[in-house]
PDB file of N, CA and C in Angstrom:
ATOM      1  N   UNK A   1      -2.940  -6.770 -11.980  1.00  0.00           N
ATOM      2  CA  UNK A   1      -3.492  -8.171 -12.557  1.00  0.00           C
ATOM      3  C   UNK A   1      -4.190  -7.989 -13.660  1.00  0.00           C
ATOM      4  N   UNK A   2      -3.537  -7.032 -14.808  1.00  0.00           N
ATOM      5  CA  UNK A   2      -4.642  -6.920 -15.987  1.00  0.00           C
ATOM      6  C   UNK A   2      -4.917  -8.171 -16.936  1.00  0.00           C
ATOM      7  N   UNK A   3      -3.746  -8.642 -17.065  1.00  0.00           N
ATOM      8  CA  UNK A   3      -3.722  -9.921 -18.018  1.00  0.00           C
ATOM      9  C   UNK A   3      -4.670 -11.033 -17.477  1.00  0.00           C
ATOM     10  N   UNK A   4      -4.672 -11.038 -16.137  1.00  0.00           N
ATOM     11  CA  UNK A   4      -5.502 -12.487 -15.539  1.00  0.00           C
ATOM     12  C   UNK A   4      -5.871 -12.082 -14.449  1.00  0.00           C
ATOM     13  N   UNK A   5      -7.401 -12.572 -14.272  1.00  0.00           N
ATOM     14  CA  UNK A   5      -7.989 -12.451 -13.280  1.00  0.00           C
ATOM     15  C   UNK A   5      -7.944 -13.468 -12.219  1.00  0.00           C
ATOM     16  N   UNK A   6      -7.570 -13.347 -10.828  1.00  0.00           N
ATOM     17  CA  UNK A   6      -7.289 -14.521 -10.168  1.00  0.00           C
ATOM     18  C   UNK A   6      -8.109 -14.374  -8.956  1.00  0.00           C
ATOM     19  N   UNK A   7      -8.680 -15.372  -8.152  1.00  0.00           N
ATOM     20  CA  UNK A   7      -9.433 -15.132  -6.877  1.00  0.00           C
ATOM     21  C   UNK A   7      -8.572 -15.555  -5.940  1.00  0.00           C
ATOM     22  N   UNK A   8      -7.924 -14.387  -5.330  1.00  0.00           N
ATOM     23  CA  UNK A   8      -7.207 -14.741  -3.833  1.00  0.00           C
ATOM     24  C   UNK A   8      -8.138 -15.321  -2.542  1.00  0.00           C
ATOM     25  N   UNK A   9      -7.291 -16.411  -1.900  1.00  0.00           N
ATOM     26  CA  UNK A   9      -7.732 -16.475  -0.964  1.00  0.00           C
ATOM     27  C   UNK A   9      -7.459 -16.028   0.196  1.00  0.00           C
ATOM     28  N   UNK A  10      -8.296 -15.973   1.364  1.00  0.00           N
ATOM     29  CA  UNK A  10      -7.800 -15.596   2.645  1.00  0.00           C
ATOM     30  C   UNK A  10      -6.442 -15.462   3.282  1.00  0.00           C
ATOM     31  N   UNK A  11      -6.014 -16.567   2.909  1.00  0.00           N
ATOM     32  CA  UNK A  11      -4.691 -16.948   3.222  1.00  0.00           C
ATOM     33  C   UNK A  11      -3.780 -15.921   2.261  1.00  0.00           C
ATOM     34  N   UNK A  12      -3.893 -15.863   1.037  1.00  0.00           N
ATOM     35  CA  UNK A  12      -3.131 -15.008   0.217  1.00  0.00           C
ATOM     36  C   UNK A  12      -3.158 -13.454   0.562  1.00  0.00           C
ATOM     37  N   UNK A  13      -4.356 -13.235   1.137  1.00  0.00           N
ATOM     38  CA  UNK A  13      -4.401 -11.877   1.682  1.00  0.00           C
ATOM     39  C   UNK A  13      -3.865 -11.829   2.845  1.00  0.00           C
ATOM     40  N   UNK A  14      -3.530 -12.724   3.759  1.00  0.00           N
ATOM     41  CA  UNK A  14      -2.970 -12.703   5.069  1.00  0.00           C
ATOM     42  C   UNK A  14      -1.601 -12.443   4.731  1.00  0.00           C
ATOM     43  N   UNK A  15      -1.025 -13.278   3.513  1.00  0.00           N
ATOM     44  CA  UNK A  15       0.402 -13.251   3.134  1.00  0.00           C
ATOM     45  C   UNK A  15       0.755 -11.807   2.606  1.00  0.00           C
ATOM     46  N   UNK A  16      -0.192 -11.196   1.947  1.00  0.00           N
ATOM     47  CA  UNK A  16      -0.201  -9.911   1.366  1.00  0.00           C
ATOM     48  C   UNK A  16       0.142  -8.737   2.590  1.00  0.00           C
ATOM     49  N   UNK A  17      -0.819  -8.983   3.421  1.00  0.00           N
ATOM     50  CA  UNK A  17      -1.131  -8.168   4.528  1.00  0.00           C
ATOM     51  C   UNK A  17       0.204  -8.102   5.316  1.00  0.00           C
ATOM     52  N   UNK A  18       0.850  -9.209   5.603  1.00  0.00           N
ATOM     53  CA  UNK A  18       2.168  -9.468   6.425  1.00  0.00           C
ATOM     54  C   UNK A  18       3.173  -8.818   5.445  1.00  0.00           C
ATOM     55  N   UNK A  19       3.322  -8.686   3.937  1.00  0.00           N
ATOM     56  CA  UNK A  19       4.214  -8.391   3.191  1.00  0.00           C
ATOM     57  C   UNK A  19       4.319  -6.789   3.457  1.00  0.00           C
ATOM     58  N   UNK A  20       3.101  -6.066   3.637  1.00  0.00           N
ATOM     59  CA  UNK A  20       2.547  -4.558   3.633  1.00  0.00           C
ATOM     60  C   UNK A  20       3.280  -4.196   4.677  1.00  0.00           C
ATOM     61  N   UNK A  21       2.703  -4.990   6.012  1.00  0.00           N
ATOM     62  CA  UNK A  21       3.386  -4.394   7.268  1.00  0.00           C
ATOM     63  C   UNK A  21       5.144  -4.565   7.351  1.00  0.00           C
ATOM     64  N   UNK A  22       5.647  -5.514   6.823  1.00  0.00           N
ATOM     65  CA  UNK A  22       7.050  -5.684   6.567  1.00  0.00           C
ATOM     66  C   UNK A  22       7.734  -4.378   5.818  1.00  0.00           C
ATOM     67  N   UNK A  23       7.202  -4.105   4.833  1.00  0.00           N
ATOM     68  CA  UNK A  23       7.486  -2.772   3.897  1.00  0.00           C
ATOM     69  C   UNK A  23       7.436  -1.516   4.829  1.00  0.00           C
ATOM     70  N   UNK A  24       6.500  -1.389   5.406  1.00  0.00           N
ATOM     71  CA  UNK A  24       6.314  -0.147   6.519  1.00  0.00           C
ATOM     72  C   UNK A  24       7.438  -0.332   7.719  1.00  0.00           C
ATOM     73  N   UNK A  25       7.432  -1.611   7.861  1.00  0.00           N
ATOM     74  CA  UNK A  25       8.637  -1.610   9.247  1.00  0.00           C
ATOM     75  C   UNK A  25       9.996  -1.220   8.230  1.00  0.00           C
ATOM     76  N   UNK A  26      10.288  -1.830   7.090  1.00  0.00           N
ATOM     77  CA  UNK A  26      11.746  -1.553   6.601  1.00  0.00           C
ATOM     78  C   UNK A  26      11.703   0.121   6.340  1.00  0.00           C
ATOM     79  N   UNK A  27      10.625   0.868   6.109  1.00  0.00           N
ATOM     80  CA  UNK A  27      10.552   2.374   5.937  1.00  0.00           C
ATOM     81  C   UNK A  27      10.860   2.757   7.559  1.00  0.00           C
ATOM     82  N   UNK A  28      10.536   2.514   8.366  1.00  0.00           N
ATOM     83  CA  UNK A  28      10.587   3.198   9.830  1.00  0.00           C
ATOM     84  C   UNK A  28      11.999   2.653  10.249  1.00  0.00           C
ATOM     85  N   UNK A  29      12.541   1.610   9.986  1.00  0.00           N
ATOM     86  CA  UNK A  29      13.890   1.447  10.124  1.00  0.00           C
ATOM     87  C   UNK A  29      15.155   2.116   9.388  1.00  0.00           C
ATOM     88  N   UNK A  30      14.517   2.669   8.194  1.00  0.00           N
ATOM     89  CA  UNK A  30      15.303   3.515   7.397  1.00  0.00           C
ATOM     90  C   UNK A  30      15.571   4.691   7.765  1.00  0.00           C
ATOM     91  N   UNK A  31      14.270   5.336   8.220  1.00  0.00           N
ATOM     92  CA  UNK A  31      14.399   6.692   8.943  1.00  0.00           C
ATOM     93  C   UNK A  31      14.974   6.763  10.113  1.00  0.00           C
ATOM     94  N   UNK A  32      15.212   5.650  10.961  1.00  0.00           N
ATOM     95  CA  UNK A  32      16.046   5.465  12.039  1.00  0.00           C
ATOM     96  C   UNK A  32      17.569   5.680  11.739  1.00  0.00           C
ATOM     97  N   UNK A  33      17.774   4.759  10.744  1.00  0.00           N
ATOM     98  CA  UNK A  33      19.362   4.803  10.355  1.00  0.00           C
ATOM     99  C   UNK A  33      19.731   6.054   9.651  1.00  0.00           C
ATOM    100  N   UNK A  34      18.713   6.692   8.901  1.00  0.00           N
ATOM    101  CA  UNK A  34      19.032   8.195   8.346  1.00  0.00           C
ATOM    102  C   UNK A  34      19.139   9.277   9.002  1.00  0.00           C
ATOM    103  N   UNK A  35      18.462   9.181  10.330  1.00  0.00           N
ATOM    104  CA  UNK A  35      18.282  10.256  10.919  1.00  0.00           C
ATOM    105  C   UNK A  35      17.270  11.283  11.047  1.00  0.00           C
ATOM    106  N   UNK A  36      17.524  12.584  11.892  1.00  0.00           N
ATOM    107  CA  UNK A  36      16.529  13.284  12.459  1.00  0.00           C
ATOM    108  C   UNK A  36      16.080  13.909  10.531  1.00  0.00           C
ATOM    109  N   UNK A  37      17.261  14.893  10.131  1.00  0.00           N
ATOM    110  CA  UNK A  37      16.918  15.361   9.186  1.00  0.00           C
ATOM    111  C   UNK A  37      16.294  14.763   7.910  1.00  0.00           C
ATOM    112  N   UNK A  38      16.958  13.794   8.032  1.00  0.00           N
ATOM    113  CA  UNK A  38      16.209  12.516   6.670  1.00  0.00           C
ATOM    114  C   UNK A  38      14.603  12.482   7.046  1.00  0.00           C
ATOM    115  N   UNK A  39      14.222  11.994   8.203  1.00  0.00           N
ATOM    116  CA  UNK A  39      13.027  11.971   8.747  1.00  0.00           C
ATOM    117  C   UNK A  39      12.126  13.175   8.741  1.00  0.00           C
ATOM    118  N   UNK A  40      12.617  14.307   8.954  1.00  0.00           N
ATOM    119  CA  UNK A  40      12.209  15.488   8.912  1.00  0.00           C
ATOM    120  C   UNK A  40      11.679  15.584   7.109  1.00  0.00           C
ATOM    121  N   UNK A  41      12.453  15.566   6.585  1.00  0.00           N
ATOM    122  CA  UNK A  41      12.371  15.705   5.073  1.00  0.00           C
ATOM    123  C   UNK A  41      11.283  14.538   4.365  1.00  0.00           C
ATOM    124  N   UNK A  42      11.226  13.698   5.130  1.00  0.00           N
ATOM    125  CA  UNK A  42      10.166  12.299   4.721  1.00  0.00           C
ATOM    126  C   UNK A  42       8.972  12.685   5.609  1.00  0.00           C
ATOM    127  N   UNK A  43       8.357  13.631   5.994  1.00  0.00           N
ATOM    128  CA  UNK A  43       7.278  13.730   7.113  1.00  0.00           C
ATOM    129  C   UNK A  43       6.117  13.439   6.030  1.00  0.00           C
ATOM    130  N   UNK A  44       5.712  14.129   5.149  1.00  0.00           N
ATOM    131  CA  UNK A  44       4.707  13.739   4.204  1.00  0.00           C
ATOM    132  C   UNK A  44       4.518  12.321   3.872  1.00  0.00           C
ATOM    133  N   UNK A  45       5.278  11.846   3.654  1.00  0.00           N
ATOM    134  CA  UNK A  45       5.540  10.594   3.031  1.00  0.00           C
ATOM    135  C   UNK A  45       5.339   9.385   4.329  1.00  0.00           C
ATOM    136  N   UNK A  46       5.493   9.862   5.437  1.00  0.00           N
ATOM    137  CA  UNK A  46       5.333   9.199   7.019  1.00  0.00           C
ATOM    138  C   UNK A  46       3.840   9.158   6.932  1.00  0.00           C
ATOM    139  N   UNK A  47       3.130  10.126   7.101  1.00  0.00           N
ATOM    140  CA  UNK A  47       1.767  10.583   6.926  1.00  0.00           C
ATOM    141  C   UNK A  47       1.121   9.615   5.949  1.00  0.00           C
ATOM    142  N   UNK A  48       1.326   9.772   4.881  1.00  0.00           N
ATOM    143  CA  UNK A  48       0.888   8.810   3.864  1.00  0.00           C
ATOM    144  C   UNK A  48       1.209   7.520   3.911  1.00  0.00           C
ATOM    145  N   UNK A  49       2.426   6.865   4.243  1.00  0.00           N
ATOM    146  CA  UNK A  49       2.457   5.286   4.594  1.00  0.00           C
ATOM    147  C   UNK A  49       1.151   5.090   5.863  1.00  0.00           C
ATOM    148  N   UNK A  50       1.315   5.816   6.690  1.00  0.00           N
ATOM    149  CA  UNK A  50       0.476   5.727   7.968  1.00  0.00           C
ATOM    150  C   UNK A  50      -1.121   5.441   7.434  1.00  0.00           C
ATOM    151  N   UNK A  51      -1.472   6.340   6.616  1.00  0.00           N
ATOM    152  CA  UNK A  51      -3.041   6.168   6.146  1.00  0.00           C
ATOM    153  C   UNK A  51      -3.136   4.945   5.268  1.00  0.00           C
ATOM    154  N   UNK A  52      -2.001   4.759   4.594  1.00  0.00           N
ATOM    155  CA  UNK A  52      -2.361   3.553   3.645  1.00  0.00           C
ATOM    156  C   UNK A  52      -2.089   2.480   4.517  1.00  0.00           C
ATOM    157  N   UNK A  53      -1.719   2.172   5.360  1.00  0.00           N
ATOM    158  CA  UNK A  53      -1.348   0.884   6.056  1.00  0.00           C
ATOM    159  C   UNK A  53      -2.607   0.905   7.031  1.00  0.00           C
ATOM    160  N   UNK A  54      -3.595   1.761   7.002  1.00  0.00           N
ATOM    161  CA  UNK A  54      -4.548   1.689   8.356  1.00  0.00           C
ATOM    162  C   UNK A  54      -5.428   0.803   7.487  1.00  0.00           C
ATOM    163  N   UNK A  55      -5.663   0.881   6.255  1.00  0.00           N
ATOM    164  CA  UNK A  55      -6.702  -0.177   5.617  1.00  0.00           C
ATOM    165  C   UNK A  55      -6.203  -1.734   5.788  1.00  0.00           C
ATOM    166  N   UNK A  56      -4.912  -1.913   5.816  1.00  0.00           N
ATOM    167  CA  UNK A  56      -4.573  -3.158   6.017  1.00  0.00           C
ATOM    168  C   UNK A  56      -4.278  -3.677   7.220  1.00  0.00           C
ATOM    169  N   UNK A  57      -4.772  -2.845   8.254  1.00  0.00           N
ATOM    170  CA  UNK A  57      -4.927  -3.127  10.017  1.00  0.00           C
ATOM    171  C   UNK A  57      -6.081  -4.276   9.957  1.00  0.00           C
ATOM    172  N   UNK A  58      -7.056  -4.248   9.153  1.00  0.00           N
ATOM    173  CA  UNK A  58      -8.317  -4.913   9.202  1.00  0.00           C
ATOM    174  C   UNK A  58      -7.821  -6.242   9.147  1.00  0.00           C
ATOM    175  N   UNK A  59      -8.864  -7.359   9.561  1.00  0.00           N
ATOM    176  CA  UNK A  59      -8.526  -8.643   9.554  1.00  0.00           C
ATOM    177  C   UNK A  59      -8.898  -9.062   8.016  1.00  0.00           C
ATOM    178  N   UNK A  60      -8.110 -10.329   7.646  1.00  0.00           N
ATOM    179  CA  UNK A  60      -8.018 -10.646   6.268  1.00  0.00           C
ATOM    180  C   UNK A  60      -9.136 -10.892   5.583  1.00  0.00           C
ATOM    181  N   UNK A  61     -10.166 -11.252   6.204  1.00  0.00           N
ATOM    182  CA  UNK A  61     -11.552 -11.502   5.271  1.00  0.00           C
ATOM    183  C   UNK A  61     -12.091  -9.932   5.251  1.00  0.00           C
ATOM    184  N   UNK A  62     -12.078  -9.007   6.010  1.00  0.00           N
ATOM    185  CA  UNK A  62     -12.193  -7.716   5.400  1.00  0.00           C
ATOM    186  C   UNK A  62     -11.653  -7.008   4.539  1.00  0.00           C
ATOM    187  N   UNK A  63     -10.381  -7.167   4.582  1.00  0.00           N
ATOM    188  CA  UNK A  63      -9.144  -6.599   3.698  1.00  0.00           C
ATOM    189  C   UNK A  63      -9.602  -7.323   2.222  1.00  0.00           C
ATOM    190  N   UNK A  64      -9.785  -8.412   2.286  1.00  0.00           N
ATOM    191  CA  UNK A  64     -10.450  -9.037   1.089  1.00  0.00           C
ATOM    192  C   UNK A  64     -11.446  -8.385   0.323  1.00  0.00           C
ATOM    193  N   UNK A  65     -12.716  -8.181   1.128  1.00  0.00           N
ATOM    194  CA  UNK A  65     -13.722  -7.526   0.777  1.00  0.00           C
ATOM    195  C   UNK A  65     -13.302  -6.045   0.318  1.00  0.00           C
ATOM    196  N   UNK A  66     -12.869  -5.482   0.929  1.00  0.00           N
ATOM    197  CA  UNK A  66     -12.529  -3.994   0.664  1.00  0.00           C
ATOM    198  C   UNK A  66     -11.664  -3.782  -0.320  1.00  0.00           C
ATOM    199  N   UNK A  67     -10.589  -4.626  -0.800  1.00  0.00           N
ATOM    200  CA  UNK A  67      -9.925  -4.539  -1.712  1.00  0.00           C
ATOM    201  C   UNK A  67      -9.547  -5.468  -2.699  1.00  0.00           C
ATOM    202  N   UNK A  68     -10.731  -6.396  -2.984  1.00  0.00           N
ATOM    203  CA  UNK A  68     -10.354  -7.392  -3.777  1.00  0.00           C
ATOM    204  C   UNK A  68     -10.631  -6.922  -5.149  1.00  0.00           C
ATOM    205  N   UNK A  69     -11.375  -5.772  -5.420  1.00  0.00           N
ATOM    206  CA  UNK A  69     -11.599  -5.515  -6.727  1.00  0.00           C
ATOM    207  C   UNK A  69     -10.690  -3.912  -6.997  1.00  0.00           C
ATOM    208  N   UNK A  70      -9.645  -3.835  -6.248  1.00  0.00           N
ATOM    209  CA  UNK A  70      -9.020  -2.842  -6.385  1.00  0.00           C
ATOM    210  C   UNK A  70      -7.582  -3.175  -6.839  1.00  0.00           C
ATOM    211  N   UNK A  71      -7.409  -2.621  -8.109  1.00  0.00           N
ATOM    212  CA  UNK A  71      -6.423  -2.655  -9.103  1.00  0.00           C
ATOM    213  C   UNK A  71      -4.939  -2.256  -8.556  1.00  0.00           C
ATOM    214  N   UNK A  72      -4.760  -1.357  -7.952  1.00  0.00           N
ATOM    215  CA  UNK A  72      -3.824  -0.876  -7.375  1.00  0.00           C
ATOM    216  C   UNK A  72      -3.464  -1.949  -6.009  1.00  0.00           C
ATOM    217  N   UNK A  73      -4.344  -2.088  -5.235  1.00  0.00           N
ATOM    218  CA  UNK A  73      -4.154  -3.077  -3.737  1.00  0.00           C
ATOM    219  C   UNK A  73      -3.654  -4.043  -4.435  1.00  0.00           C
ATOM    220  N   UNK A  74      -4.041  -4.894  -5.562  1.00  0.00           N
ATOM    221  CA  UNK A  74      -3.740  -5.821  -6.004  1.00  0.00           C
ATOM    222  C   UNK A  74      -2.216  -6.505  -6.849  1.00  0.00           C
ATOM    223  N   UNK A  75      -1.567  -5.094  -7.102  1.00  0.00           N
ATOM    224  CA  UNK A  75      -0.307  -5.104  -7.698  1.00  0.00           C
ATOM    225  C   UNK A  75       0.682  -5.751  -6.278  1.00  0.00           C
ATOM    226  N   UNK A  76       0.123  -5.911  -5.224  1.00  0.00           N
ATOM    227  CA  UNK A  76       0.943  -6.374  -3.923  1.00  0.00           C
ATOM    228  C   UNK A  76       1.055  -7.844  -4.279  1.00  0.00           C
ATOM    229  N   UNK A  77       0.243  -8.709  -4.935  1.00  0.00           N
ATOM    230  CA  UNK A  77       0.507 -10.165  -5.419  1.00  0.00           C
ATOM    231  C   UNK A  77       1.588 -10.091  -6.690  1.00  0.00           C
ATOM    232  N   UNK A  78       1.382  -9.090  -7.393  1.00  0.00           N
ATOM    233  CA  UNK A  78       2.670  -9.080  -8.557  1.00  0.00           C
ATOM    234  C   UNK A  78       3.882  -8.861  -7.704  1.00  0.00           C
ATOM    235  N   UNK A  79       3.925  -8.102  -6.517  1.00  0.00           N
ATOM    236  CA  UNK A  79       5.290  -7.844  -6.037  1.00  0.00           C
ATOM    237  C   UNK A  79       5.764  -9.090  -5.527  1.00  0.00           C
ATOM    238  N   UNK A  80       4.826  -9.705  -4.497  1.00  0.00           N
ATOM    239  CA  UNK A  80       5.201 -10.991  -4.107  1.00  0.00           C
ATOM    240  C   UNK A  80       5.734 -12.244  -5.051  1.00  0.00           C
ATOM    241  N   UNK A  81       4.917 -12.251  -6.064  1.00  0.00           N
ATOM    242  CA  UNK A  81       5.468 -13.259  -7.218  1.00  0.00           C
ATOM    243  C   UNK A  81       6.889 -12.728  -7.770  1.00  0.00           C
ATOM    244  N   UNK A  82       6.769 -11.766  -7.886  1.00  0.00           N
ATOM    245  CA  UNK A  82       8.227 -11.227  -8.593  1.00  0.00           C
ATOM    246  C   UNK A  82       9.479 -10.805  -7.915  1.00  0.00           C
ATOM    247  N   UNK A  83       9.247 -10.328  -6.420  1.00  0.00           N
ATOM    248  CA  UNK A  83      10.295  -9.950  -5.607  1.00  0.00           C
ATOM    249  C   UNK A  83      10.254 -10.418  -4.606  1.00  0.00           C
ATOM    250  N   UNK A  84       9.222 -11.225  -4.251  1.00  0.00           N
ATOM    251  CA  UNK A  84       9.116 -11.852  -2.765  1.00  0.00           C
ATOM    252  C   UNK A  84       8.677 -10.973  -1.563  1.00  0.00           C
ATOM    253  N   UNK A  85       8.719  -9.449  -1.655  1.00  0.00           N
ATOM    254  CA  UNK A  85       8.596  -8.618  -0.647  1.00  0.00           C
ATOM    255  C   UNK A  85       7.536  -7.487  -1.525  1.00  0.00           C
ATOM    256  N   UNK A  86       6.722  -6.646  -0.450  1.00  0.00           N
ATOM    257  CA  UNK A  86       6.180  -5.486  -1.048  1.00  0.00           C
ATOM    258  C   UNK A  86       6.854  -4.230  -1.156  1.00  0.00           C
ATOM    259  N   UNK A  87       6.377  -3.753  -2.227  1.00  0.00           N
ATOM    260  CA  UNK A  87       6.576  -2.142  -2.633  1.00  0.00           C
ATOM    261  C   UNK A  87       5.516  -1.494  -2.809  1.00  0.00           C
ATOM    262  N   UNK A  88       4.358  -1.910  -2.492  1.00  0.00           N
ATOM    263  CA  UNK A  88       3.174  -1.267  -2.757  1.00  0.00           C
ATOM    264  C   UNK A  88       3.047  -0.041  -2.009  1.00  0.00           C
ATOM    265  N   UNK A  89       3.515   0.207  -0.712  1.00  0.00           N
ATOM    266  CA  UNK A  89       3.218   1.519   0.014  1.00  0.00           C
ATOM    267  C   UNK A  89       3.843   2.748  -0.694  1.00  0.00           C
ATOM    268  N   UNK A  90       5.147   2.184  -1.176  1.00  0.00           N
ATOM    269  CA  UNK A  90       6.318   3.204  -1.869  1.00  0.00           C
ATOM    270  C   UNK A  90       5.286   3.565  -3.445  1.00  0.00           C
ATOM    271  N   UNK A  91       4.847   2.576  -3.948  1.00  0.00           N
ATOM    272  CA  UNK A  91       4.391   3.243  -5.086  1.00  0.00           C
ATOM    273  C   UNK A  91       3.108   3.633  -5.164  1.00  0.00           C
ATOM    274  N   UNK A  92       2.461   3.731  -4.035  1.00  0.00           N
ATOM    275  CA  UNK A  92       1.341   4.322  -3.888  1.00  0.00           C
ATOM    276  C   UNK A  92       1.571   5.709  -3.307  1.00  0.00           C
ATOM    277  N   UNK A  93       2.758   5.763  -2.372  1.00  0.00           N
ATOM    278  CA  UNK A  93       3.116   7.281  -2.006  1.00  0.00           C
ATOM    279  C   UNK A  93       3.437   8.024  -3.091  1.00  0.00           C
ATOM    280  N   UNK A  94       4.089   7.441  -3.898  1.00  0.00           N
ATOM    281  CA  UNK A  94       4.497   8.359  -5.067  1.00  0.00           C
ATOM    282  C   UNK A  94       3.524   8.966  -5.837  1.00  0.00           C
ATOM    283  N   UNK A  95       2.142   7.982  -6.055  1.00  0.00           N
ATOM    284  CA  UNK A  95       1.190   8.744  -6.804  1.00  0.00           C
ATOM    285  C   UNK A  95       0.772   9.839  -5.824  1.00  0.00           C
ATOM    286  N   UNK A  96       0.401   9.421  -4.514  1.00  0.00           N
ATOM    287  CA  UNK A  96      -0.328  10.417  -3.767  1.00  0.00           C
ATOM    288  C   UNK A  96       0.380  11.635  -3.325  1.00  0.00           C
ATOM    289  N   UNK A  97       1.739  12.000  -3.711  1.00  0.00           N
ATOM    290  CA  UNK A  97       2.535  12.953  -3.297  1.00  0.00           C
ATOM    291  C   UNK A  97       1.933  13.745  -4.372  1.00  0.00           C
ATOM    292  N   UNK A  98       1.443  13.490  -5.567  1.00  0.00           N
ATOM    293  CA  UNK A  98       1.163  14.398  -6.424  1.00  0.00           C
ATOM    294  C   UNK A  98      -0.244  14.907  -6.562  1.00  0.00           C
ATOM    295  N   UNK A  99      -1.151  14.011  -5.735  1.00  0.00           N
ATOM    296  CA  UNK A  99      -2.362  14.903  -5.326  1.00  0.00           C
ATOM    297  C   UNK A  99      -2.610  16.112  -4.804  1.00  0.00           C
ATOM    298  N   UNK A 100      -3.148  17.388  -5.355  1.00  0.00           N
ATOM    299  CA  UNK A 100      -3.241  18.355  -5.024  1.00  0.00           C
ATOM    300  C   UNK A 100      -3.718  18.588  -3.473  1.00  0.00           C
ATOM    301  N   UNK A 101      -4.848  18.089  -3.314  1.00  0.00           N
ATOM    302  CA  UNK A 101      -5.414  17.989  -1.755  1.00  0.00           C
ATOM    303  C   UNK A 101      -5.773  16.843  -1.288  1.00  0.00           C
ATOM    304  N   UNK A 102      -4.594  16.404  -0.297  1.00  0.00           N
ATOM    305  CA  UNK A 102      -4.527  15.154   0.154  1.00  0.00           C
ATOM    306  C   UNK A 102      -5.156  15.207   1.794  1.00  0.00           C
ATOM    307  N   UNK A 103      -6.430  14.686   1.888  1.00  0.00           N
ATOM    308  CA  UNK A 103      -7.160  14.395   2.994  1.00  0.00           C
ATOM    309  C   UNK A 103      -8.077  13.511   3.289  1.00  0.00           C
ATOM    310  N   UNK A 104      -7.915  12.290   2.695  1.00  0.00           N
ATOM    311  CA  UNK A 104      -8.894  11.549   2.514  1.00  0.00           C
ATOM    312  C   UNK A 104      -8.725  10.253   3.396  1.00  0.00           C
ATOM    313  N   UNK A 105      -9.698   9.530   3.599  1.00  0.00           N
ATOM    314  CA  UNK A 105      -9.876   8.855   5.012  1.00  0.00           C
ATOM    315  C   UNK A 105      -9.052   7.502   4.005  1.00  0.00           C
ATOM    316  N   UNK A 106      -8.503   6.424   4.771  1.00  0.00           N
ATOM    317  CA  UNK A 106      -8.144   5.008   4.530  1.00  0.00           C
ATOM    318  C   UNK A 106      -8.607   4.424   3.271  1.00  0.00           C
ATOM    319  N   UNK A 107     -10.097   4.070   3.621  1.00  0.00           N
ATOM    320  CA  UNK A 107     -10.390   3.412   2.480  1.00  0.00           C
ATOM    321  C   UNK A 107     -10.334   4.106   0.978  1.00  0.00           C
ATOM    322  N   UNK A 108     -11.175   5.492   1.263  1.00  0.00           N
ATOM    323  CA  UNK A 108     -10.661   6.644   0.234  1.00  0.00           C
ATOM    324  C   UNK A 108      -9.872   6.426  -0.658  1.00  0.00           C
ATOM    325  N   UNK A 109      -8.612   6.524   0.143  1.00  0.00           N
ATOM    326  CA  UNK A 109      -7.419   6.406  -0.595  1.00  0.00           C
ATOM    327  C   UNK A 109      -7.298   5.351  -1.403  1.00  0.00           C
ATOM    328  N   UNK A 110      -7.426   4.359  -0.921  1.00  0.00           N
ATOM    329  CA  UNK A 110      -7.474   3.046  -2.017  1.00  0.00           C
ATOM    330  C   UNK A 110      -8.337   3.091  -3.043  1.00  0.00           C
ATOM    331  N   UNK A 111      -9.579   3.629  -3.038  1.00  0.00           N
ATOM    332  CA  UNK A 111     -10.594   3.565  -4.135  1.00  0.00           C
ATOM    333  C   UNK A 111      -9.767   4.828  -5.026  1.00  0.00           C
ATOM    334  N   UNK A 112      -9.332   5.704  -4.588  1.00  0.00           N
ATOM    335  CA  UNK A 112      -8.405   6.931  -5.522  1.00  0.00           C
ATOM    336  C   UNK A 112      -7.368   6.028  -6.668  1.00  0.00           C
ATOM    337  N   UNK A 113      -6.447   5.521  -5.506  1.00  0.00           N
ATOM    338  CA  UNK A 113      -5.557   4.788  -6.119  1.00  0.00           C
ATOM    339  C   UNK A 113      -6.183   3.836  -7.196  1.00  0.00           C
ATOM    340  N   UNK A 114      -6.933   2.827  -7.157  1.00  0.00           N
ATOM    341  CA  UNK A 114      -7.550   2.334  -7.976  1.00  0.00           C
ATOM    342  C   UNK A 114      -8.207   3.080  -9.357  1.00  0.00           C
ATOM    343  N   UNK A 115      -8.832   4.287  -9.084  1.00  0.00           N
ATOM    344  CA  UNK A 115      -9.170   5.116 -10.095  1.00  0.00           C
ATOM    345  C   UNK A 115      -7.890   5.438 -11.131  1.00  0.00           C
ATOM    346  N   UNK A 116      -6.798   5.862 -10.406  1.00  0.00           N
ATOM    347  CA  UNK A 116      -5.587   6.170 -10.954  1.00  0.00           C
ATOM    348  C   UNK A 116      -4.901   5.185 -11.909  1.00  0.00           C
ATOM    349  N   UNK A 117      -5.218   3.626 -11.098  1.00  0.00           N
ATOM    350  CA  UNK A 117      -4.723   2.737 -11.782  1.00  0.00           C
ATOM    351  C   UNK A 117      -5.316   2.199 -13.033  1.00  0.00           C
ATOM    352  N   UNK A 118      -6.644   2.597 -13.100  1.00  0.00           N
ATOM    353  CA  UNK A 118      -7.575   1.928 -14.099  1.00  0.00           C
ATOM    354  C   UNK A 118      -7.329   3.228 -15.194  1.00  0.00           C
ATOM    355  N   UNK A 119      -7.180   4.451 -15.080  1.00  0.00           N
ATOM    356  CA  UNK A 119      -6.726   5.415 -16.046  1.00  0.00           C
ATOM    357  C   UNK A 119      -5.292   5.016 -17.008  1.00  0.00           C
ATOM    358  N   UNK A 120      -4.491   4.422 -16.257  1.00  0.00           N
ATOM    359  CA  UNK A 120      -2.883   4.299 -16.589  1.00  0.00           C
ATOM    360  C   UNK A 120      -2.812   3.213 -17.809  1.00  0.00           C
TER     361      UNK A 120
END
């Protein structure tokens, strides 16, 4: 949301949270459809998605406080406005797969992603 600053409500965050959970569910369904070999190849991405989604499990008020200034997390609202569904986990996972030492906590992940987004 570089061009405009918007104050998102708790309801907006609940909607975003649902969209992120739906993205995760779509990914898990894809793993089931593609089978074991594909799932094995996606092992790192599975772990990344699980860590990313952990922060989104908080209630909407906590989620808003934790991520309202996070430029990477706020891209979820662009997804919803343009596509009607989330691609946030996929976008973040692509960035994280390039990190050399990947062991951060869920909130640290979002802080690192925000720093990456600000550098872009």
